[in-house]
Amino acid sequence: MPRYGVNLQWLFSKRAAPRGPDERVLDALAAWGFDFVRLPTDYRLWSVDGDPYRPDERVLALIDQTLAACRARGRRSSAARWPPSAPVRRTVHW
């Protein structure tokens, strides 16, 4: 069975403030048959003052909410950090 996925850029650009899941977008992706959602993240958006060793728990909660919303729709999902060498204190793949 073919797999179709999409990147959601909610936490990759500093042009917009970090936000939680857009339910309408996730519903549309599910209706269109996308079965995988990848949430690329820039560590400067989920860390305090750009320090990758000091994560901002409020932003990590938004990532958790987005991944939970994907699971609720039966979509596989993962959150990827950028740059890949940025440290993490927990696993971010679901």
N, C-alpha and C. Protein backbone atom coordinates (compact mmCIF):
# COMPACT_ATOMS: atom_id res chain seq x y z
N MET A 1 0.83 -1.17 0.00
CA MET A 1 0.00 0.00 0.00
C MET A 1 0.88 1.24 0.00
N PRO A 2 0.64 2.17 -0.92
CA PRO A 2 1.43 3.40 -0.94
C PRO A 2 1.19 4.25 0.31
N ARG A 3 2.21 4.96 0.71
CA ARG A 3 2.12 5.87 1.85
C ARG A 3 2.31 7.30 1.33
N TYR A 4 1.52 8.21 1.86
CA TYR A 4 1.60 9.60 1.46
C TYR A 4 1.73 10.47 2.69
N GLY A 5 2.71 11.35 2.68
CA GLY A 5 2.93 12.20 3.83
C GLY A 5 3.12 13.65 3.45
N VAL A 6 3.15 14.46 4.47
CA VAL A 6 3.29 15.90 4.27
C VAL A 6 4.07 16.49 5.44
N ASN A 7 4.84 17.54 5.17
CA ASN A 7 5.52 18.31 6.21
C ASN A 7 4.63 19.48 6.61
N LEU A 8 4.45 19.69 7.88
CA LEU A 8 3.74 20.86 8.39
C LEU A 8 4.78 21.79 8.99
N GLN A 9 4.84 23.00 8.52
CA GLN A 9 5.92 23.93 8.89
C GLN A 9 5.55 24.84 10.06
N TRP A 10 4.66 24.43 10.94
CA TRP A 10 4.19 25.27 12.03
C TRP A 10 5.28 25.70 12.98
N LEU A 11 6.32 24.90 13.14
CA LEU A 11 7.37 25.23 14.11
C LEU A 11 8.75 25.28 13.46
N PHE A 12 8.78 25.76 12.22
CA PHE A 12 10.05 25.78 11.53
C PHE A 12 10.47 27.19 11.13
N SER A 13 9.55 28.14 11.19
CA SER A 13 9.84 29.49 10.76
C SER A 13 9.67 30.46 11.92
N LYS A 14 10.63 31.35 12.08
CA LYS A 14 10.55 32.36 13.14
C LYS A 14 9.60 33.49 12.76
N ARG A 15 9.07 33.47 11.55
CA ARG A 15 8.16 34.52 11.12
C ARG A 15 6.83 34.49 11.86
N ALA A 16 6.47 33.35 12.38
CA ALA A 16 5.20 33.21 13.09
C ALA A 16 5.48 32.63 14.47
N ALA A 17 4.65 33.01 15.42
CA ALA A 17 4.80 32.47 16.78
C ALA A 17 4.42 30.99 16.79
N PRO A 18 5.07 30.18 17.61
CA PRO A 18 4.70 28.77 17.71
C PRO A 18 3.23 28.63 18.10
N ARG A 19 2.56 27.67 17.48
CA ARG A 19 1.15 27.45 17.76
C ARG A 19 0.85 25.97 17.72
N GLY A 20 -0.29 25.62 18.22
CA GLY A 20 -0.72 24.23 18.25
C GLY A 20 -1.28 23.78 16.92
N PRO A 21 -1.90 22.63 16.92
CA PRO A 21 -2.38 22.06 15.67
C PRO A 21 -3.54 22.86 15.06
N ASP A 22 -3.57 22.92 13.76
CA ASP A 22 -4.70 23.49 13.03
C ASP A 22 -5.60 22.31 12.68
N GLU A 23 -6.66 22.15 13.42
CA GLU A 23 -7.55 20.99 13.27
C GLU A 23 -8.11 20.88 11.86
N ARG A 24 -8.41 22.01 11.23
CA ARG A 24 -8.97 21.97 9.87
C ARG A 24 -7.98 21.39 8.88
N VAL A 25 -6.72 21.76 9.03
CA VAL A 25 -5.68 21.23 8.14
C VAL A 25 -5.54 19.73 8.34
N LEU A 26 -5.50 19.29 9.60
CA LEU A 26 -5.36 17.86 9.87
C LEU A 26 -6.56 17.07 9.36
N ASP A 27 -7.76 17.62 9.50
CA ASP A 27 -8.96 16.96 8.98
C ASP A 27 -8.89 16.84 7.46
N ALA A 28 -8.45 17.91 6.79
CA ALA A 28 -8.35 17.89 5.33
C ALA A 28 -7.30 16.87 4.88
N LEU A 29 -6.16 16.83 5.55
CA LEU A 29 -5.12 15.87 5.18
C LEU A 29 -5.63 14.43 5.32
N ALA A 30 -6.36 14.17 6.39
CA ALA A 30 -6.93 12.83 6.59
C ALA A 30 -7.93 12.51 5.49
N ALA A 31 -8.77 13.48 5.14
CA ALA A 31 -9.78 13.27 4.09
C ALA A 31 -9.13 13.03 2.72
N TRP A 32 -7.99 13.65 2.49
CA TRP A 32 -7.29 13.50 1.22
C TRP A 32 -6.43 12.24 1.16
N GLY A 33 -6.36 11.50 2.24
CA GLY A 33 -5.64 10.24 2.24
C GLY A 33 -4.20 10.29 2.69
N PHE A 34 -3.73 11.43 3.18
CA PHE A 34 -2.38 11.48 3.72
C PHE A 34 -2.35 10.67 5.01
N ASP A 35 -1.36 9.79 5.14
CA ASP A 35 -1.32 8.94 6.33
C ASP A 35 -0.10 9.21 7.21
N PHE A 36 0.69 10.21 6.86
CA PHE A 36 1.88 10.52 7.65
C PHE A 36 2.06 12.03 7.70
N VAL A 37 2.33 12.53 8.89
CA VAL A 37 2.59 13.96 9.07
C VAL A 37 3.94 14.10 9.76
N ARG A 38 4.78 14.94 9.18
CA ARG A 38 6.09 15.23 9.77
C ARG A 38 6.08 16.69 10.20
N LEU A 39 6.53 16.93 11.40
CA LEU A 39 6.56 18.28 11.95
C LEU A 39 8.01 18.69 12.16
N PRO A 40 8.65 19.27 11.12
CA PRO A 40 10.03 19.72 11.31
C PRO A 40 10.05 20.91 12.26
N THR A 41 11.03 20.93 13.15
CA THR A 41 11.14 22.02 14.11
C THR A 41 12.54 22.59 14.12
N ASP A 42 12.63 23.86 14.33
CA ASP A 42 13.91 24.54 14.48
C ASP A 42 14.14 24.72 15.98
N TYR A 43 15.26 24.24 16.48
CA TYR A 43 15.49 24.27 17.93
C TYR A 43 15.41 25.69 18.49
N ARG A 44 15.65 26.69 17.66
CA ARG A 44 15.57 28.07 18.15
C ARG A 44 14.14 28.45 18.51
N LEU A 45 13.16 27.69 18.01
CA LEU A 45 11.76 27.98 18.33
C LEU A 45 11.26 27.22 19.54
N TRP A 46 11.92 26.11 19.90
CA TRP A 46 11.47 25.36 21.08
C TRP A 46 12.45 25.42 22.24
N SER A 47 13.38 26.35 22.16
CA SER A 47 14.33 26.50 23.26
C SER A 47 14.27 27.92 23.81
N VAL A 48 14.73 28.09 25.02
CA VAL A 48 14.76 29.40 25.67
C VAL A 48 16.01 30.14 25.21
N ASP A 49 15.83 31.30 24.64
CA ASP A 49 16.94 32.14 24.16
C ASP A 49 17.86 31.41 23.18
N GLY A 50 17.31 30.47 22.40
CA GLY A 50 18.11 29.75 21.41
C GLY A 50 19.07 28.73 21.98
N ASP A 51 18.98 28.45 23.26
CA ASP A 51 19.86 27.48 23.90
C ASP A 51 19.22 26.10 23.81
N PRO A 52 19.75 25.21 22.99
CA PRO A 52 19.12 23.90 22.80
C PRO A 52 19.10 23.03 24.05
N TYR A 53 19.83 23.42 25.07
CA TYR A 53 19.83 22.66 26.33
C TYR A 53 18.76 23.18 27.30
N ARG A 54 18.04 24.23 26.91
CA ARG A 54 16.97 24.78 27.75
C ARG A 54 15.67 24.80 26.95
N PRO A 55 14.97 23.69 26.88
CA PRO A 55 13.73 23.65 26.10
C PRO A 55 12.62 24.46 26.76
N ASP A 56 11.81 25.07 25.93
CA ASP A 56 10.64 25.82 26.39
C ASP A 56 9.48 24.82 26.49
N GLU A 57 9.07 24.51 27.70
CA GLU A 57 8.04 23.49 27.91
C GLU A 57 6.71 23.87 27.26
N ARG A 58 6.42 25.16 27.15
CA ARG A 58 5.17 25.58 26.49
C ARG A 58 5.17 25.18 25.03
N VAL A 59 6.30 25.34 24.36
CA VAL A 59 6.38 24.97 22.95
C VAL A 59 6.38 23.45 22.79
N LEU A 60 7.07 22.74 23.68
CA LEU A 60 7.04 21.27 23.62
C LEU A 60 5.62 20.76 23.82
N ALA A 61 4.83 21.45 24.65
CA ALA A 61 3.42 21.06 24.83
C ALA A 61 2.64 21.24 23.53
N LEU A 62 2.94 22.28 22.75
CA LEU A 62 2.28 22.47 21.45
C LEU A 62 2.64 21.34 20.49
N ILE A 63 3.90 20.91 20.52
CA ILE A 63 4.32 19.78 19.68
C ILE A 63 3.55 18.53 20.11
N ASP A 64 3.47 18.29 21.41
CA ASP A 64 2.72 17.14 21.90
C ASP A 64 1.26 17.20 21.47
N GLN A 65 0.65 18.38 21.53
CA GLN A 65 -0.75 18.54 21.11
C GLN A 65 -0.92 18.22 19.63
N THR A 66 0.01 18.68 18.82
CA THR A 66 -0.07 18.43 17.38
C THR A 66 0.06 16.94 17.08
N LEU A 67 1.02 16.28 17.73
CA LEU A 67 1.20 14.85 17.49
C LEU A 67 0.00 14.06 18.01
N ALA A 68 -0.59 14.47 19.12
CA ALA A 68 -1.79 13.80 19.64
C ALA A 68 -2.97 13.99 18.69
N ALA A 69 -3.10 15.17 18.11
CA ALA A 69 -4.18 15.42 17.15
C ALA A 69 -4.01 14.55 15.90
N CYS A 70 -2.77 14.33 15.50
CA CYS A 70 -2.52 13.42 14.36
C CYS A 70 -2.91 11.99 14.72
N ARG A 71 -2.51 11.55 15.90
CA ARG A 71 -2.87 10.19 16.35
C ARG A 71 -4.38 10.02 16.43
N ALA A 72 -5.08 11.05 16.89
CA ALA A 72 -6.54 10.98 17.01
C ALA A 72 -7.20 10.77 15.66
N ARG A 73 -6.53 11.17 14.60
CA ARG A 73 -7.06 11.00 13.24
C ARG A 73 -6.48 9.76 12.55
N GLY A 74 -5.73 8.97 13.29
CA GLY A 74 -5.15 7.76 12.72
C GLY A 74 -3.96 8.01 11.82
N ARG A 75 -3.35 9.18 11.93
CA ARG A 75 -2.18 9.51 11.11
C ARG A 75 -0.92 9.19 11.89
N ARG A 76 0.08 8.64 11.21
CA ARG A 76 1.39 8.48 11.81
C ARG A 76 2.04 9.86 11.80
N SER A 77 2.90 10.13 12.77
CA SER A 77 3.51 11.45 12.82
C SER A 77 4.86 11.39 13.50
N SER A 78 5.67 12.40 13.23
CA SER A 78 6.94 12.53 13.92
C SER A 78 7.30 14.00 13.98
N ALA A 79 8.06 14.35 14.99
CA ALA A 79 8.62 15.70 15.11
C ALA A 79 10.12 15.56 14.91
N ALA A 80 10.64 16.34 14.00
CA ALA A 80 12.07 16.28 13.70
C ALA A 80 12.71 17.61 14.09
N ARG A 81 13.88 17.53 14.71
CA ARG A 81 14.55 18.77 15.13
C ARG A 81 15.55 19.21 14.07
N TRP A 82 15.81 20.51 14.03
CA TRP A 82 16.79 21.06 13.12
C TRP A 82 17.64 22.07 13.87
N PRO A 83 18.93 22.06 13.72
CA PRO A 83 19.68 21.07 12.94
C PRO A 83 19.64 19.71 13.61
N PRO A 84 19.88 18.65 12.85
CA PRO A 84 19.81 17.30 13.41
C PRO A 84 20.73 17.09 14.60
N SER A 85 21.79 17.85 14.71
CA SER A 85 22.73 17.67 15.82
C SER A 85 22.27 18.36 17.10
N ALA A 86 21.16 19.11 17.05
CA ALA A 86 20.68 19.79 18.26
C ALA A 86 20.29 18.73 19.28
N PRO A 87 20.68 18.93 20.53
CA PRO A 87 20.39 17.92 21.55
C PRO A 87 18.90 17.88 21.89
N VAL A 88 18.45 16.73 22.32
CA VAL A 88 17.08 16.59 22.80
C VAL A 88 17.13 15.87 24.13
N ARG A 89 16.17 16.11 24.97
CA ARG A 89 16.16 15.46 26.26
C ARG A 89 15.19 14.30 26.30
N ARG A 90 14.44 14.11 25.23
CA ARG A 90 13.50 12.99 25.17
C ARG A 90 13.26 12.64 23.71
N THR A 91 12.73 11.48 23.50
CA THR A 91 12.41 11.04 22.14
C THR A 91 11.23 11.85 21.63
N VAL A 92 11.30 12.29 20.38
CA VAL A 92 10.24 13.11 19.84
C VAL A 92 9.53 12.44 18.66
N HIS A 93 9.71 11.16 18.50
CA HIS A 93 9.03 10.46 17.40
C HIS A 93 7.89 9.63 17.96
N TRP A 94 6.74 9.71 17.32
CA TRP A 94 5.58 8.94 17.75
C TRP A 94 5.04 8.16 16.58
